[in-house]
Amino acid sequence: MSLFKRRRFPAEIILLCVRWYCKYGISYRDLAEMMQERGVEVDPSTIMRWVHHYAPEIEKRVRRYQGHRSGSWRQYVAQC
């Protein structure tokens, strides 16, 4: 991916942090701690910059593959 050219950390680490933050809402500090447990020393402010920089682009690329969503939905409840 050319999106991650000339970065200090591998694209896999950046994507993992951004994905975990967006999907699970893990704090930057907790993510940095989790990465440290895996042997990757990264500052929480670095993860914050990754999220601010890469999350919009990743979301844009993912939306292409998700298909169309309608604005309404219905919930059917079985009545006994």
PDB file of N, CA and C in Angstrom:
ATOM      1  N   MET A   1       0.822  -1.177   0.000  1.00  0.00           N
ATOM      2  CA  MET A   1       0.000   0.000   0.000  1.00  0.00           C
ATOM      3  C   MET A   1       0.873   1.250   0.000  1.00  0.00           C
ATOM      4  N   SER A   2       0.707   2.120  -0.969  1.00  0.00           N
ATOM      5  CA  SER A   2       1.507   3.336  -1.039  1.00  0.00           C
ATOM      6  C   SER A   2       1.112   4.335   0.046  1.00  0.00           C
ATOM      7  N   LEU A   3      -0.005   4.105   0.684  1.00  0.00           N
ATOM      8  CA  LEU A   3      -0.480   4.979   1.753  1.00  0.00           C
ATOM      9  C   LEU A   3       0.508   5.013   2.925  1.00  0.00           C
ATOM     10  N   PHE A   4       1.276   3.941   3.105  1.00  0.00           N
ATOM     11  CA  PHE A   4       2.168   3.825   4.259  1.00  0.00           C
ATOM     12  C   PHE A   4       3.645   3.961   3.894  1.00  0.00           C
ATOM     13  N   LYS A   5       3.951   4.551   2.756  1.00  0.00           N
ATOM     14  CA  LYS A   5       5.347   4.705   2.353  1.00  0.00           C
ATOM     15  C   LYS A   5       6.100   5.598   3.327  1.00  0.00           C
ATOM     16  N   ARG A   6       7.355   5.245   3.555  1.00  0.00           N
ATOM     17  CA  ARG A   6       8.285   6.037   4.349  1.00  0.00           C
ATOM     18  C   ARG A   6       7.813   6.245   5.788  1.00  0.00           C
ATOM     19  N   ARG A   7       7.281   5.218   6.370  1.00  0.00           N
ATOM     20  CA  ARG A   7       6.846   5.271   7.768  1.00  0.00           C
ATOM     21  C   ARG A   7       7.816   4.475   8.631  1.00  0.00           C
ATOM     22  N   ARG A   8       7.958   4.884   9.877  1.00  0.00           N
ATOM     23  CA  ARG A   8       8.873   4.203  10.791  1.00  0.00           C
ATOM     24  C   ARG A   8       8.363   2.816  11.166  1.00  0.00           C
ATOM     25  N   PHE A   9       7.040   2.693  11.301  1.00  0.00           N
ATOM     26  CA  PHE A   9       6.433   1.433  11.704  1.00  0.00           C
ATOM     27  C   PHE A   9       5.851   0.722  10.491  1.00  0.00           C
ATOM     28  N   PRO A  10       5.819  -0.607  10.523  1.00  0.00           N
ATOM     29  CA  PRO A  10       5.218  -1.361   9.411  1.00  0.00           C
ATOM     30  C   PRO A  10       3.725  -1.052   9.274  1.00  0.00           C
ATOM     31  N   ALA A  11       3.232  -1.196   8.068  1.00  0.00           N
ATOM     32  CA  ALA A  11       1.818  -0.930   7.777  1.00  0.00           C
ATOM     33  C   ALA A  11       0.910  -1.809   8.628  1.00  0.00           C
ATOM     34  N   GLU A  12       1.332  -3.034   8.926  1.00  0.00           N
ATOM     35  CA  GLU A  12       0.505  -3.950   9.713  1.00  0.00           C
ATOM     36  C   GLU A  12       0.251  -3.400  11.115  1.00  0.00           C
ATOM     37  N   ILE A  13       1.271  -2.799  11.721  1.00  0.00           N
ATOM     38  CA  ILE A  13       1.139  -2.232  13.067  1.00  0.00           C
ATOM     39  C   ILE A  13       0.196  -1.029  13.033  1.00  0.00           C
ATOM     40  N   ILE A  14       0.375  -0.164  12.045  1.00  0.00           N
ATOM     41  CA  ILE A  14      -0.472   1.024  11.924  1.00  0.00           C
ATOM     42  C   ILE A  14      -1.924   0.614  11.722  1.00  0.00           C
ATOM     43  N   LEU A  15      -2.153  -0.317  10.805  1.00  0.00           N
ATOM     44  CA  LEU A  15      -3.520  -0.767  10.529  1.00  0.00           C
ATOM     45  C   LEU A  15      -4.157  -1.422  11.747  1.00  0.00           C
ATOM     46  N   LEU A  16      -3.387  -2.208  12.468  1.00  0.00           N
ATOM     47  CA  LEU A  16      -3.901  -2.875  13.662  1.00  0.00           C
ATOM     48  C   LEU A  16      -4.355  -1.850  14.701  1.00  0.00           C
ATOM     49  N   CYS A  17      -3.532  -0.854  14.957  1.00  0.00           N
ATOM     50  CA  CYS A  17      -3.885   0.174  15.943  1.00  0.00           C
ATOM     51  C   CYS A  17      -5.109   0.974  15.506  1.00  0.00           C
ATOM     52  N   VAL A  18      -5.138   1.369  14.242  1.00  0.00           N
ATOM     53  CA  VAL A  18      -6.274   2.155  13.747  1.00  0.00           C
ATOM     54  C   VAL A  18      -7.548   1.317  13.797  1.00  0.00           C
ATOM     55  N   ARG A  19      -7.456   0.065  13.379  1.00  0.00           N
ATOM     56  CA  ARG A  19      -8.635  -0.803  13.382  1.00  0.00           C
ATOM     57  C   ARG A  19      -9.153  -1.035  14.799  1.00  0.00           C
ATOM     58  N   TRP A  20      -8.260  -1.342  15.742  1.00  0.00           N
ATOM     59  CA  TRP A  20      -8.688  -1.577  17.119  1.00  0.00           C
ATOM     60  C   TRP A  20      -9.301  -0.326  17.722  1.00  0.00           C
ATOM     61  N   TYR A  21      -8.724   0.837  17.428  1.00  0.00           N
ATOM     62  CA  TYR A  21      -9.280   2.072  17.975  1.00  0.00           C
ATOM     63  C   TYR A  21     -10.681   2.318  17.415  1.00  0.00           C
ATOM     64  N   CYS A  22     -10.834   2.171  16.112  1.00  0.00           N
ATOM     65  CA  CYS A  22     -12.128   2.461  15.480  1.00  0.00           C
ATOM     66  C   CYS A  22     -13.191   1.425  15.837  1.00  0.00           C
ATOM     67  N   LYS A  23     -12.822   0.170  15.878  1.00  0.00           N
ATOM     68  CA  LYS A  23     -13.808  -0.886  16.108  1.00  0.00           C
ATOM     69  C   LYS A  23     -14.179  -1.041  17.582  1.00  0.00           C
ATOM     70  N   TYR A  24     -13.182  -1.000  18.458  1.00  0.00           N
ATOM     71  CA  TYR A  24     -13.424  -1.300  19.865  1.00  0.00           C
ATOM     72  C   TYR A  24     -13.364  -0.076  20.784  1.00  0.00           C
ATOM     73  N   GLY A  25     -12.939   1.072  20.273  1.00  0.00           N
ATOM     74  CA  GLY A  25     -12.882   2.277  21.090  1.00  0.00           C
ATOM     75  C   GLY A  25     -11.840   2.220  22.194  1.00  0.00           C
ATOM     76  N   ILE A  26     -10.778   1.480  21.977  1.00  0.00           N
ATOM     77  CA  ILE A  26      -9.706   1.363  22.968  1.00  0.00           C
ATOM     78  C   ILE A  26      -8.947   2.690  23.014  1.00  0.00           C
ATOM     79  N   SER A  27      -8.589   3.143  24.198  1.00  0.00           N
ATOM     80  CA  SER A  27      -7.882   4.419  24.322  1.00  0.00           C
ATOM     81  C   SER A  27      -6.487   4.314  23.703  1.00  0.00           C
ATOM     82  N   TYR A  28      -5.942   5.470  23.348  1.00  0.00           N
ATOM     83  CA  TYR A  28      -4.603   5.502  22.750  1.00  0.00           C
ATOM     84  C   TYR A  28      -3.570   4.950  23.721  1.00  0.00           C
ATOM     85  N   ARG A  29      -3.726   5.287  24.982  1.00  0.00           N
ATOM     86  CA  ARG A  29      -2.783   4.811  25.999  1.00  0.00           C
ATOM     87  C   ARG A  29      -2.851   3.286  26.134  1.00  0.00           C
ATOM     88  N   ASP A  30      -4.057   2.731  26.141  1.00  0.00           N
ATOM     89  CA  ASP A  30      -4.209   1.279  26.236  1.00  0.00           C
ATOM     90  C   ASP A  30      -3.661   0.587  24.987  1.00  0.00           C
ATOM     91  N   LEU A  31      -3.881   1.195  23.831  1.00  0.00           N
ATOM     92  CA  LEU A  31      -3.323   0.621  22.598  1.00  0.00           C
ATOM     93  C   LEU A  31      -1.801   0.607  22.641  1.00  0.00           C
ATOM     94  N   ALA A  32      -1.206   1.693  23.130  1.00  0.00           N
ATOM     95  CA  ALA A  32       0.251   1.750  23.240  1.00  0.00           C
ATOM     96  C   ALA A  32       0.753   0.666  24.189  1.00  0.00           C
ATOM     97  N   GLU A  33       0.019   0.449  25.268  1.00  0.00           N
ATOM     98  CA  GLU A  33       0.370  -0.596  26.226  1.00  0.00           C
ATOM     99  C   GLU A  33       0.265  -1.987  25.589  1.00  0.00           C
ATOM    100  N   MET A  34      -0.798  -2.198  24.810  1.00  0.00           N
ATOM    101  CA  MET A  34      -0.981  -3.486  24.132  1.00  0.00           C
ATOM    102  C   MET A  34       0.134  -3.734  23.119  1.00  0.00           C
ATOM    103  N   MET A  35       0.540  -2.690  22.418  1.00  0.00           N
ATOM    104  CA  MET A  35       1.630  -2.835  21.451  1.00  0.00           C
ATOM    105  C   MET A  35       2.951  -3.122  22.169  1.00  0.00           C
ATOM    106  N   GLN A  36       3.141  -2.492  23.328  1.00  0.00           N
ATOM    107  CA  GLN A  36       4.354  -2.733  24.106  1.00  0.00           C
ATOM    108  C   GLN A  36       4.429  -4.192  24.553  1.00  0.00           C
ATOM    109  N   GLU A  37       3.285  -4.780  24.905  1.00  0.00           N
ATOM    110  CA  GLU A  37       3.250  -6.194  25.280  1.00  0.00           C
ATOM    111  C   GLU A  37       3.653  -7.085  24.116  1.00  0.00           C
ATOM    112  N   ARG A  38       3.470  -6.592  22.907  1.00  0.00           N
ATOM    113  CA  ARG A  38       3.829  -7.343  21.698  1.00  0.00           C
ATOM    114  C   ARG A  38       5.223  -6.977  21.187  1.00  0.00           C
ATOM    115  N   GLY A  39       5.944  -6.167  21.962  1.00  0.00           N
ATOM    116  CA  GLY A  39       7.315  -5.824  21.612  1.00  0.00           C
ATOM    117  C   GLY A  39       7.458  -4.617  20.704  1.00  0.00           C
ATOM    118  N   VAL A  40       6.407  -3.824  20.560  1.00  0.00           N
ATOM    119  CA  VAL A  40       6.453  -2.631  19.710  1.00  0.00           C
ATOM    120  C   VAL A  40       6.297  -1.410  20.601  1.00  0.00           C
ATOM    121  N   GLU A  41       7.331  -0.591  20.670  1.00  0.00           N
ATOM    122  CA  GLU A  41       7.313   0.608  21.498  1.00  0.00           C
ATOM    123  C   GLU A  41       6.766   1.771  20.678  1.00  0.00           C
ATOM    124  N   VAL A  42       5.556   2.210  21.015  1.00  0.00           N
ATOM    125  CA  VAL A  42       4.920   3.307  20.287  1.00  0.00           C
ATOM    126  C   VAL A  42       4.226   4.232  21.283  1.00  0.00           C
ATOM    127  N   ASP A  43       4.329   5.519  21.046  1.00  0.00           N
ATOM    128  CA  ASP A  43       3.745   6.523  21.930  1.00  0.00           C
ATOM    129  C   ASP A  43       2.252   6.700  21.633  1.00  0.00           C
ATOM    130  N   PRO A  44       1.437   6.938  22.654  1.00  0.00           N
ATOM    131  CA  PRO A  44       0.003   7.143  22.410  1.00  0.00           C
ATOM    132  C   PRO A  44      -0.296   8.290  21.443  1.00  0.00           C
ATOM    133  N   SER A  45       0.523   9.350  21.476  1.00  0.00           N
ATOM    134  CA  SER A  45       0.287  10.471  20.554  1.00  0.00           C
ATOM    135  C   SER A  45       0.550  10.066  19.108  1.00  0.00           C
ATOM    136  N   THR A  46       1.446   9.114  18.901  1.00  0.00           N
ATOM    137  CA  THR A  46       1.694   8.600  17.553  1.00  0.00           C
ATOM    138  C   THR A  46       0.474   7.845  17.051  1.00  0.00           C
ATOM    139  N   ILE A  47      -0.121   7.037  17.912  1.00  0.00           N
ATOM    140  CA  ILE A  47      -1.332   6.298  17.533  1.00  0.00           C
ATOM    141  C   ILE A  47      -2.460   7.276  17.220  1.00  0.00           C
ATOM    142  N   MET A  48      -2.566   8.345  18.006  1.00  0.00           N
ATOM    143  CA  MET A  48      -3.590   9.357  17.745  1.00  0.00           C
ATOM    144  C   MET A  48      -3.393   9.976  16.353  1.00  0.00           C
ATOM    145  N   ARG A  49      -2.160  10.291  16.004  1.00  0.00           N
ATOM    146  CA  ARG A  49      -1.887  10.849  14.669  1.00  0.00           C
ATOM    147  C   ARG A  49      -2.229   9.847  13.583  1.00  0.00           C
ATOM    148  N   TRP A  50      -1.928   8.562  13.804  1.00  0.00           N
ATOM    149  CA  TRP A  50      -2.285   7.532  12.818  1.00  0.00           C
ATOM    150  C   TRP A  50      -3.789   7.491  12.608  1.00  0.00           C
ATOM    151  N   VAL A  51      -4.542   7.508  13.704  1.00  0.00           N
ATOM    152  CA  VAL A  51      -6.004   7.439  13.600  1.00  0.00           C
ATOM    153  C   VAL A  51      -6.532   8.650  12.841  1.00  0.00           C
ATOM    154  N   HIS A  52      -6.052   9.838  13.178  1.00  0.00           N
ATOM    155  CA  HIS A  52      -6.528  11.051  12.510  1.00  0.00           C
ATOM    156  C   HIS A  52      -6.140  11.070  11.037  1.00  0.00           C
ATOM    157  N   HIS A  53      -4.993  10.501  10.708  1.00  0.00           N
ATOM    158  CA  HIS A  53      -4.507  10.530   9.329  1.00  0.00           C
ATOM    159  C   HIS A  53      -5.083   9.406   8.476  1.00  0.00           C
ATOM    160  N   TYR A  54      -5.099   8.188   9.009  1.00  0.00           N
ATOM    161  CA  TYR A  54      -5.440   7.017   8.195  1.00  0.00           C
ATOM    162  C   TYR A  54      -6.897   6.575   8.270  1.00  0.00           C
ATOM    163  N   ALA A  55      -7.589   6.828   9.363  1.00  0.00           N
ATOM    164  CA  ALA A  55      -8.968   6.332   9.502  1.00  0.00           C
ATOM    165  C   ALA A  55      -9.899   6.826   8.394  1.00  0.00           C
ATOM    166  N   PRO A  56      -9.879   8.112   8.027  1.00  0.00           N
ATOM    167  CA  PRO A  56     -10.775   8.542   6.940  1.00  0.00           C
ATOM    168  C   PRO A  56     -10.475   7.854   5.611  1.00  0.00           C
ATOM    169  N   GLU A  57      -9.203   7.667   5.300  1.00  0.00           N
ATOM    170  CA  GLU A  57      -8.829   7.014   4.041  1.00  0.00           C
ATOM    171  C   GLU A  57      -9.211   5.540   4.051  1.00  0.00           C
ATOM    172  N   ILE A  58      -8.998   4.869   5.165  1.00  0.00           N
ATOM    173  CA  ILE A  58      -9.361   3.453   5.275  1.00  0.00           C
ATOM    174  C   ILE A  58     -10.869   3.298   5.159  1.00  0.00           C
ATOM    175  N   GLU A  59     -11.623   4.184   5.822  1.00  0.00           N
ATOM    176  CA  GLU A  59     -13.082   4.124   5.746  1.00  0.00           C
ATOM    177  C   GLU A  59     -13.558   4.312   4.303  1.00  0.00           C
ATOM    178  N   LYS A  60     -12.949   5.242   3.604  1.00  0.00           N
ATOM    179  CA  LYS A  60     -13.316   5.493   2.210  1.00  0.00           C
ATOM    180  C   LYS A  60     -13.056   4.262   1.342  1.00  0.00           C
ATOM    181  N   ARG A  61     -11.943   3.592   1.570  1.00  0.00           N
ATOM    182  CA  ARG A  61     -11.604   2.403   0.785  1.00  0.00           C
ATOM    183  C   ARG A  61     -12.495   1.216   1.133  1.00  0.00           C
ATOM    184  N   VAL A  62     -12.899   1.097   2.384  1.00  0.00           N
ATOM    185  CA  VAL A  62     -13.742  -0.020   2.818  1.00  0.00           C
ATOM    186  C   VAL A  62     -15.162   0.137   2.290  1.00  0.00           C
ATOM    187  N   ARG A  63     -15.656   1.361   2.242  1.00  0.00           N
ATOM    188  CA  ARG A  63     -17.032   1.607   1.792  1.00  0.00           C
ATOM    189  C   ARG A  63     -17.283   1.099   0.378  1.00  0.00           C
ATOM    190  N   ARG A  64     -16.259   1.079  -0.449  1.00  0.00           N
ATOM    191  CA  ARG A  64     -16.410   0.581  -1.819  1.00  0.00           C
ATOM    192  C   ARG A  64     -16.900  -0.855  -1.842  1.00  0.00           C
ATOM    193  N   TYR A  65     -16.516  -1.632  -0.845  1.00  0.00           N
ATOM    194  CA  TYR A  65     -16.807  -3.064  -0.830  1.00  0.00           C
ATOM    195  C   TYR A  65     -18.013  -3.429   0.038  1.00  0.00           C
ATOM    196  N   GLN A  66     -18.590  -2.476   0.729  1.00  0.00           N
ATOM    197  CA  GLN A  66     -19.669  -2.788   1.659  1.00  0.00           C
ATOM    198  C   GLN A  66     -21.042  -2.856   1.013  1.00  0.00           C
ATOM    199  N   GLY A  67     -21.224  -2.274  -0.121  1.00  0.00           N
ATOM    200  CA  GLY A  67     -22.543  -2.301  -0.742  1.00  0.00           C
ATOM    201  C   GLY A  67     -23.421  -1.172  -0.245  1.00  0.00           C
ATOM    202  N   HIS A  68     -24.578  -1.050  -0.863  1.00  0.00           N
ATOM    203  CA  HIS A  68     -25.498   0.038  -0.539  1.00  0.00           C
ATOM    204  C   HIS A  68     -26.313  -0.284   0.714  1.00  0.00           C
ATOM    205  N   ARG A  69     -26.483   0.704   1.547  1.00  0.00           N
ATOM    206  CA  ARG A  69     -27.302   0.555   2.746  1.00  0.00           C
ATOM    207  C   ARG A  69     -28.474   1.516   2.638  1.00  0.00           C
ATOM    208  N   SER A  70     -29.648   1.019   2.957  1.00  0.00           N
ATOM    209  CA  SER A  70     -30.806   1.914   2.955  1.00  0.00           C
ATOM    210  C   SER A  70     -30.847   2.681   4.269  1.00  0.00           C
ATOM    211  N   GLY A  71     -31.577   3.764   4.278  1.00  0.00           N
ATOM    212  CA  GLY A  71     -31.655   4.593   5.468  1.00  0.00           C
ATOM    213  C   GLY A  71     -32.652   4.090   6.497  1.00  0.00           C
ATOM    214  N   SER A  72     -33.452   3.071   6.153  1.00  0.00           N
ATOM    215  CA  SER A  72     -34.448   2.597   7.109  1.00  0.00           C
ATOM    216  C   SER A  72     -34.277   1.106   7.372  1.00  0.00           C
ATOM    217  N   TRP A  73     -34.807   0.663   8.475  1.00  0.00           N
ATOM    218  CA  TRP A  73     -34.787  -0.757   8.810  1.00  0.00           C
ATOM    219  C   TRP A  73     -36.024  -1.057   9.646  1.00  0.00           C
ATOM    220  N   ARG A  74     -36.382  -2.287   9.649  1.00  0.00           N
ATOM    221  CA  ARG A  74     -37.569  -2.712  10.400  1.00  0.00           C
ATOM    222  C   ARG A  74     -37.198  -3.861  11.327  1.00  0.00           C
ATOM    223  N   GLN A  75     -37.837  -3.867  12.458  1.00  0.00           N
ATOM    224  CA  GLN A  75     -37.637  -4.952  13.403  1.00  0.00           C
ATOM    225  C   GLN A  75     -38.973  -5.669  13.559  1.00  0.00           C
ATOM    226  N   TYR A  76     -38.946  -6.950  13.313  1.00  0.00           N
ATOM    227  CA  TYR A  76     -40.155  -7.749  13.430  1.00  0.00           C
ATOM    228  C   TYR A  76     -40.157  -8.445  14.782  1.00  0.00           C
ATOM    229  N   VAL A  77     -41.241  -8.286  15.507  1.00  0.00           N
ATOM    230  CA  VAL A  77     -41.356  -8.870  16.836  1.00  0.00           C
ATOM    231  C   VAL A  77     -42.464  -9.908  16.798  1.00  0.00           C
ATOM    232  N   ALA A  78     -42.136 -11.099  17.224  1.00  0.00           N
ATOM    233  CA  ALA A  78     -43.149 -12.157  17.280  1.00  0.00           C
ATOM    234  C   ALA A  78     -44.043 -11.921  18.489  1.00  0.00           C
ATOM    235  N   GLN A  79     -45.332 -11.939  18.268  1.00  0.00           N
ATOM    236  CA  GLN A  79     -46.276 -11.733  19.366  1.00  0.00           C
ATOM    237  C   GLN A  79     -46.920 -13.065  19.730  1.00  0.00           C
ATOM    238  N   CYS A  80     -46.924 -13.371  20.997  1.00  0.00           N
ATOM    239  CA  CYS A  80     -47.498 -14.636  21.469  1.00  0.00           C
ATOM    240  C   CYS A  80     -48.890 -14.456  21.990  1.00  0.00           C
TER     241      CYS A  80
END
